[in-house]
């Protein structure tokens, strides 16, 4: 093998490694985006539940009759 062949083989190995790394990172990025979407939905649902609970607590007091000592 000539020096050029050796260099070409080294560059091809490096390119294959870089290509594999990029594919792995792309998969990880996709998974992270999916998990982030699920977390954002869960947070939105929790906020909505909390607001509904707060609204329910506030409206209960207004609908209750006054205590007997009034």
PDB file of N, CA and C in Angstrom:
ATOM      1  N   UNK A   1       0.836  -1.193   0.000  1.00  0.00           N
ATOM      2  CA  UNK A   1       0.000   0.000   0.000  1.00  0.00           C
ATOM      3  C   UNK A   1       0.875   1.248   0.000  1.00  0.00           C
ATOM      4  N   UNK A   2       0.405   2.227  -0.719  1.00  0.00           N
ATOM      5  CA  UNK A   2       1.151   3.477  -0.751  1.00  0.00           C
ATOM      6  C   UNK A   2       0.681   4.380   0.374  1.00  0.00           C
ATOM      7  N   UNK A   3       1.395   5.409   0.565  1.00  0.00           N
ATOM      8  CA  UNK A   3       1.044   6.382   1.609  1.00  0.00           C
ATOM      9  C   UNK A   3      -0.331   7.003   1.325  1.00  0.00           C
ATOM     10  N   UNK A   4      -0.638   7.234   0.065  1.00  0.00           N
ATOM     11  CA  UNK A   4      -1.928   7.792  -0.309  1.00  0.00           C
ATOM     12  C   UNK A   4      -3.055   6.816   0.037  1.00  0.00           C
ATOM     13  N   UNK A   5      -2.831   5.543  -0.229  1.00  0.00           N
ATOM     14  CA  UNK A   5      -3.830   4.529   0.125  1.00  0.00           C
ATOM     15  C   UNK A   5      -4.052   4.472   1.630  1.00  0.00           C
ATOM     16  N   UNK A   6      -2.945   4.554   2.374  1.00  0.00           N
ATOM     17  CA  UNK A   6      -3.057   4.544   3.839  1.00  0.00           C
ATOM     18  C   UNK A   6      -3.857   5.747   4.336  1.00  0.00           C
ATOM     19  N   UNK A   7      -3.559   6.894   3.766  1.00  0.00           N
ATOM     20  CA  UNK A   7      -4.279   8.104   4.172  1.00  0.00           C
ATOM     21  C   UNK A   7      -5.755   8.014   3.799  1.00  0.00           C
ATOM     22  N   UNK A   8      -6.039   7.479   2.609  1.00  0.00           N
ATOM     23  CA  UNK A   8      -7.414   7.331   2.163  1.00  0.00           C
ATOM     24  C   UNK A   8      -8.161   6.377   3.098  1.00  0.00           C
ATOM     25  N   UNK A   9      -7.527   5.268   3.485  1.00  0.00           N
ATOM     26  CA  UNK A   9      -8.150   4.304   4.391  1.00  0.00           C
ATOM     27  C   UNK A   9      -8.411   4.956   5.750  1.00  0.00           C
ATOM     28  N   UNK A  10      -7.488   5.721   6.252  1.00  0.00           N
ATOM     29  CA  UNK A  10      -7.657   6.418   7.543  1.00  0.00           C
ATOM     30  C   UNK A  10      -8.813   7.411   7.460  1.00  0.00           C
ATOM     31  N   UNK A  11      -8.885   8.164   6.374  1.00  0.00           N
ATOM     32  CA  UNK A  11      -9.980   9.136   6.206  1.00  0.00           C
ATOM     33  C   UNK A  11     -11.330   8.437   6.100  1.00  0.00           C
ATOM     34  N   UNK A  12     -11.380   7.299   5.404  1.00  0.00           N
ATOM     35  CA  UNK A  12     -12.636   6.554   5.294  1.00  0.00           C
ATOM     36  C   UNK A  12     -13.077   6.022   6.656  1.00  0.00           C
ATOM     37  N   UNK A  13     -12.123   5.561   7.462  1.00  0.00           N
ATOM     38  CA  UNK A  13     -12.465   5.069   8.808  1.00  0.00           C
ATOM     39  C   UNK A  13     -12.974   6.217   9.676  1.00  0.00           C
ATOM     40  N   UNK A  14     -12.322   7.356   9.585  1.00  0.00           N
ATOM     41  CA  UNK A  14     -12.776   8.512  10.356  1.00  0.00           C
ATOM     42  C   UNK A  14     -14.167   8.958   9.921  1.00  0.00           C
ATOM     43  N   UNK A  15     -14.393   8.969   8.610  1.00  0.00           N
ATOM     44  CA  UNK A  15     -15.699   9.366   8.090  1.00  0.00           C
ATOM     45  C   UNK A  15     -16.784   8.398   8.566  1.00  0.00           C
ATOM     46  N   UNK A  16     -16.494   7.116   8.578  1.00  0.00           N
ATOM     47  CA  UNK A  16     -17.464   6.127   9.051  1.00  0.00           C
ATOM     48  C   UNK A  16     -17.768   6.351  10.525  1.00  0.00           C
ATOM     49  N   UNK A  17     -16.746   6.653  11.323  1.00  0.00           N
ATOM     50  CA  UNK A  17     -16.940   6.918  12.746  1.00  0.00           C
ATOM     51  C   UNK A  17     -17.790   8.175  12.943  1.00  0.00           C
ATOM     52  N   UNK A  18     -17.477   9.222  12.191  1.00  0.00           N
ATOM     53  CA  UNK A  18     -18.235  10.473  12.301  1.00  0.00           C
ATOM     54  C   UNK A  18     -19.677  10.248  11.868  1.00  0.00           C
ATOM     55  N   UNK A  19     -19.890   9.501  10.799  1.00  0.00           N
ATOM     56  CA  UNK A  19     -21.236   9.206  10.317  1.00  0.00           C
ATOM     57  C   UNK A  19     -22.029   8.440  11.373  1.00  0.00           C
ATOM     58  N   UNK A  20     -21.405   7.462  12.006  1.00  0.00           N
ATOM     59  CA  UNK A  20     -22.068   6.699  13.065  1.00  0.00           C
ATOM     60  C   UNK A  20     -22.406   7.600  14.256  1.00  0.00           C
ATOM     61  N   UNK A  21     -21.496   8.477  14.617  1.00  0.00           N
ATOM     62  CA  UNK A  21     -21.730   9.400  15.725  1.00  0.00           C
ATOM     63  C   UNK A  21     -22.884  10.346  15.426  1.00  0.00           C
ATOM     64  N   UNK A  22     -22.932  10.870  14.220  1.00  0.00           N
ATOM     65  CA  UNK A  22     -24.018  11.782  13.828  1.00  0.00           C
ATOM     66  C   UNK A  22     -25.355  11.054  13.872  1.00  0.00           C
ATOM     67  N   UNK A  23     -25.397   9.819  13.382  1.00  0.00           N
ATOM     68  CA  UNK A  23     -26.647   9.048  13.428  1.00  0.00           C
ATOM     69  C   UNK A  23     -27.085   8.804  14.865  1.00  0.00           C
ATOM     70  N   UNK A  24     -26.131   8.485  15.737  1.00  0.00           N
ATOM     71  CA  UNK A  24     -26.457   8.278  17.151  1.00  0.00           C
ATOM     72  C   UNK A  24     -26.990   9.547  17.797  1.00  0.00           C
ATOM     73  N   UNK A  25     -26.379  10.661  17.495  1.00  0.00           N
ATOM     74  CA  UNK A  25     -26.831  11.935  18.056  1.00  0.00           C
ATOM     75  C   UNK A  25     -28.202  12.325  17.520  1.00  0.00           C
ATOM     76  N   UNK A  26     -28.455  12.021  16.277  1.00  0.00           N
ATOM     77  CA  UNK A  26     -29.759  12.319  15.698  1.00  0.00           C
ATOM     78  C   UNK A  26     -30.843  11.505  16.399  1.00  0.00           C
ATOM     79  N   UNK A  27     -30.570  10.243  16.666  1.00  0.00           N
ATOM     80  CA  UNK A  27     -31.535   9.405  17.380  1.00  0.00           C
ATOM     81  C   UNK A  27     -31.765   9.929  18.792  1.00  0.00           C
ATOM     82  N   UNK A  28     -30.689  10.315  19.453  1.00  0.00           N
ATOM     83  CA  UNK A  28     -30.814  10.852  20.812  1.00  0.00           C
ATOM     84  C   UNK A  28     -31.610  12.149  20.797  1.00  0.00           C
ATOM     85  N   UNK A  29     -31.369  12.984  19.805  1.00  0.00           N
ATOM     86  CA  UNK A  29     -32.093  14.250  19.693  1.00  0.00           C
ATOM     87  C   UNK A  29     -33.588  14.014  19.494  1.00  0.00           C
ATOM     88  N   UNK A  30     -33.927  13.039  18.672  1.00  0.00           N
ATOM     89  CA  UNK A  30     -35.334  12.707  18.437  1.00  0.00           C
ATOM     90  C   UNK A  30     -35.989  12.234  19.721  1.00  0.00           C
ATOM     91  N   UNK A  31     -35.311  11.385  20.478  1.00  0.00           N
ATOM     92  CA  UNK A  31     -35.859  10.873  21.740  1.00  0.00           C
ATOM     93  C   UNK A  31     -36.028  12.001  22.758  1.00  0.00           C
ATOM     94  N   UNK A  32     -35.062  12.891  22.832  1.00  0.00           N
ATOM     95  CA  UNK A  32     -35.149  14.021  23.764  1.00  0.00           C
ATOM     96  C   UNK A  32     -36.328  14.920  23.391  1.00  0.00           C
ATOM     97  N   UNK A  33     -36.515  15.172  22.101  1.00  0.00           N
ATOM     98  CA  UNK A  33     -37.636  16.010  21.656  1.00  0.00           C
ATOM     99  C   UNK A  33     -38.965  15.350  22.021  1.00  0.00           C
ATOM    100  N   UNK A  34     -39.054  14.026  21.843  1.00  0.00           N
ATOM    101  CA  UNK A  34     -40.285  13.317  22.189  1.00  0.00           C
ATOM    102  C   UNK A  34     -40.569  13.415  23.684  1.00  0.00           C
ATOM    103  N   UNK A  35     -39.535  13.221  24.499  1.00  0.00           N
ATOM    104  CA  UNK A  35     -39.705  13.298  25.952  1.00  0.00           C
ATOM    105  C   UNK A  35     -40.082  14.714  26.379  1.00  0.00           C
ATOM    106  N   UNK A  36     -39.482  15.713  25.754  1.00  0.00           N
ATOM    107  CA  UNK A  36     -39.802  17.102  26.077  1.00  0.00           C
ATOM    108  C   UNK A  36     -41.258  17.405  25.751  1.00  0.00           C
ATOM    109  N   UNK A  37     -41.742  16.919  24.608  1.00  0.00           N
ATOM    110  CA  UNK A  37     -43.156  17.116  24.254  1.00  0.00           C
ATOM    111  C   UNK A  37     -44.072  16.496  25.303  1.00  0.00           C
ATOM    112  N   UNK A  38     -43.749  15.275  25.761  1.00  0.00           N
ATOM    113  CA  UNK A  38     -44.574  14.621  26.778  1.00  0.00           C
ATOM    114  C   UNK A  38     -44.552  15.408  28.078  1.00  0.00           C
ATOM    115  N   UNK A  39     -43.380  15.904  28.471  1.00  0.00           N
ATOM    116  CA  UNK A  39     -43.279  16.684  29.705  1.00  0.00           C
ATOM    117  C   UNK A  39     -44.054  17.993  29.601  1.00  0.00           C
ATOM    118  N   UNK A  40     -43.985  18.641  28.445  1.00  0.00           N
ATOM    119  CA  UNK A  40     -44.732  19.887  28.267  1.00  0.00           C
ATOM    120  C   UNK A  40     -46.237  19.640  28.340  1.00  0.00           C
ATOM    121  N   UNK A  41     -46.704  18.531  27.727  1.00  0.00           N
ATOM    122  CA  UNK A  41     -48.126  18.191  27.814  1.00  0.00           C
ATOM    123  C   UNK A  41     -48.530  17.915  29.249  1.00  0.00           C
ATOM    124  N   UNK A  42     -47.683  17.170  29.969  1.00  0.00           N
ATOM    125  CA  UNK A  42     -47.996  16.849  31.366  1.00  0.00           C
ATOM    126  C   UNK A  42     -48.046  18.127  32.205  1.00  0.00           C
ATOM    127  N   UNK A  43     -47.118  19.036  31.984  1.00  0.00           N
ATOM    128  CA  UNK A  43     -47.107  20.293  32.721  1.00  0.00           C
ATOM    129  C   UNK A  43     -48.358  21.115  32.406  1.00  0.00           C
ATOM    130  N   UNK A  44     -48.733  21.165  31.136  1.00  0.00           N
ATOM    131  CA  UNK A  44     -49.942  21.898  30.748  1.00  0.00           C
ATOM    132  C   UNK A  44     -51.176  21.289  31.422  1.00  0.00           C
ATOM    133  N   UNK A  45     -51.248  19.956  31.450  1.00  0.00           N
ATOM    134  CA  UNK A  45     -52.376  19.290  32.106  1.00  0.00           C
ATOM    135  C   UNK A  45     -52.395  19.568  33.606  1.00  0.00           C
ATOM    136  N   UNK A  46     -51.226  19.532  34.235  1.00  0.00           N
ATOM    137  CA  UNK A  46     -51.161  19.806  35.675  1.00  0.00           C
ATOM    138  C   UNK A  46     -51.573  21.240  35.989  1.00  0.00           C
ATOM    139  N   UNK A  47     -51.131  22.173  35.161  1.00  0.00           N
ATOM    140  CA  UNK A  47     -51.528  23.571  35.365  1.00  0.00           C
ATOM    141  C   UNK A  47     -53.035  23.729  35.237  1.00  0.00           C
ATOM    142  N   UNK A  48     -53.598  23.066  34.241  1.00  0.00           N
ATOM    143  CA  UNK A  48     -55.042  23.134  34.044  1.00  0.00           C
ATOM    144  C   UNK A  48     -55.776  22.530  35.242  1.00  0.00           C
ATOM    145  N   UNK A  49     -55.301  21.376  35.720  1.00  0.00           N
ATOM    146  CA  UNK A  49     -55.913  20.749  36.896  1.00  0.00           C
ATOM    147  C   UNK A  49     -55.825  21.661  38.109  1.00  0.00           C
ATOM    148  N   UNK A  50     -54.682  22.300  38.293  1.00  0.00           N
ATOM    149  CA  UNK A  50     -54.500  23.197  39.432  1.00  0.00           C
ATOM    150  C   UNK A  50     -55.441  24.388  39.344  1.00  0.00           C
ATOM    151  N   UNK A  51     -55.569  24.956  38.146  1.00  0.00           N
ATOM    152  CA  UNK A  51     -56.477  26.100  37.987  1.00  0.00           C
ATOM    153  C   UNK A  51     -57.921  25.679  38.249  1.00  0.00           C
ATOM    154  N   UNK A  52     -58.296  24.493  37.792  1.00  0.00           N
ATOM    155  CA  UNK A  52     -59.652  23.994  38.044  1.00  0.00           C
ATOM    156  C   UNK A  52     -59.877  23.757  39.533  1.00  0.00           C
ATOM    157  N   UNK A  53     -58.863  23.239  40.205  1.00  0.00           N
ATOM    158  CA  UNK A  53     -58.986  23.019  41.647  1.00  0.00           C
ATOM    159  C   UNK A  53     -59.124  24.350  42.386  1.00  0.00           C
ATOM    160  N   UNK A  54     -58.312  25.318  41.985  1.00  0.00           N
ATOM    161  CA  UNK A  54     -58.396  26.636  42.628  1.00  0.00           C
ATOM    162  C   UNK A  54     -59.752  27.271  42.383  1.00  0.00           C
ATOM    163  N   UNK A  55     -60.247  27.144  41.173  1.00  0.00           N
ATOM    164  CA  UNK A  55     -61.560  27.718  40.851  1.00  0.00           C
ATOM    165  C   UNK A  55     -62.638  27.005  41.655  1.00  0.00           C
ATOM    166  N   UNK A  56     -62.503  25.706  41.806  1.00  0.00           N
ATOM    167  CA  UNK A  56     -63.473  24.943  42.580  1.00  0.00           C
ATOM    168  C   UNK A  56     -63.459  25.318  44.038  1.00  0.00           C
ATOM    169  N   UNK A  57     -62.294  25.555  44.576  1.00  0.00           N
ATOM    170  CA  UNK A  57     -62.202  25.948  45.985  1.00  0.00           C
ATOM    171  C   UNK A  57     -62.797  27.328  46.207  1.00  0.00           C
ATOM    172  N   UNK A  58     -62.569  28.229  45.283  1.00  0.00           N
ATOM    173  CA  UNK A  58     -63.091  29.587  45.420  1.00  0.00           C
ATOM    174  C   UNK A  58     -64.597  29.636  45.279  1.00  0.00           C
ATOM    175  N   UNK A  59     -65.139  28.815  44.414  1.00  0.00           N
ATOM    176  CA  UNK A  59     -66.585  28.867  44.196  1.00  0.00           C
ATOM    177  C   UNK A  59     -67.349  28.161  45.306  1.00  0.00           C
ATOM    178  N   UNK A  60     -66.739  27.206  45.986  1.00  0.00           N
ATOM    179  CA  UNK A  60     -67.429  26.512  47.079  1.00  0.00           C
ATOM    180  C   UNK A  60     -67.808  27.479  48.197  1.00  0.00           C
ATOM    181  N   UNK A  61     -66.916  28.363  48.530  1.00  0.00           N
ATOM    182  CA  UNK A  61     -67.174  29.314  49.621  1.00  0.00           C
ATOM    183  C   UNK A  61     -68.313  30.265  49.274  1.00  0.00           C
ATOM    184  N   UNK A  62     -68.441  30.663  48.053  1.00  0.00           N
ATOM    185  CA  UNK A  62     -69.477  31.604  47.646  1.00  0.00           C
ATOM    186  C   UNK A  62     -70.853  30.933  47.639  1.00  0.00           C
ATOM    187  N   UNK A  63     -70.902  29.661  47.359  1.00  0.00           N
ATOM    188  CA  UNK A  63     -72.183  28.951  47.266  1.00  0.00           C
ATOM    189  C   UNK A  63     -72.666  28.405  48.615  1.00  0.00           C
ATOM    190  N   UNK A  64     -71.818  28.419  49.592  1.00  0.00           N
ATOM    191  CA  UNK A  64     -72.226  27.891  50.902  1.00  0.00           C
ATOM    192  C   UNK A  64     -73.109  28.896  51.633  1.00  0.00           C
ATOM    193  N   UNK A  65     -74.092  28.385  52.363  1.00  0.00           N
ATOM    194  CA  UNK A  65     -74.897  29.319  53.154  1.00  0.00           C
ATOM    195  C   UNK A  65     -74.059  29.856  54.322  1.00  0.00           C
ATOM    196  N   UNK A  66     -74.442  30.994  54.862  1.00  0.00           N
ATOM    197  CA  UNK A  66     -73.665  31.554  55.977  1.00  0.00           C
ATOM    198  C   UNK A  66     -73.762  30.628  57.202  1.00  0.00           C
ATOM    199  N   UNK A  67     -72.770  30.708  58.069  1.00  0.00           N
ATOM    200  CA  UNK A  67     -72.797  29.870  59.271  1.00  0.00           C
ATOM    201  C   UNK A  67     -74.025  30.194  60.127  1.00  0.00           C
ATOM    202  N   UNK A  68     -74.452  29.290  61.010  1.00  0.00           N
ATOM    203  CA  UNK A  68     -75.676  29.465  61.786  1.00  0.00           C
ATOM    204  C   UNK A  68     -75.670  30.690  62.710  1.00  0.00           C
ATOM    205  N   UNK A  69     -74.523  31.157  63.133  1.00  0.00           N
ATOM    206  CA  UNK A  69     -74.509  32.301  64.068  1.00  0.00           C
ATOM    207  C   UNK A  69     -74.813  33.625  63.397  1.00  0.00           C
ATOM    208  N   UNK A  70     -75.049  33.691  62.101  1.00  0.00           N
ATOM    209  CA  UNK A  70     -75.409  34.943  61.438  1.00  0.00           C
ATOM    210  C   UNK A  70     -76.879  35.169  61.455  1.00  0.00           C
TER     211      UNK A  70
END
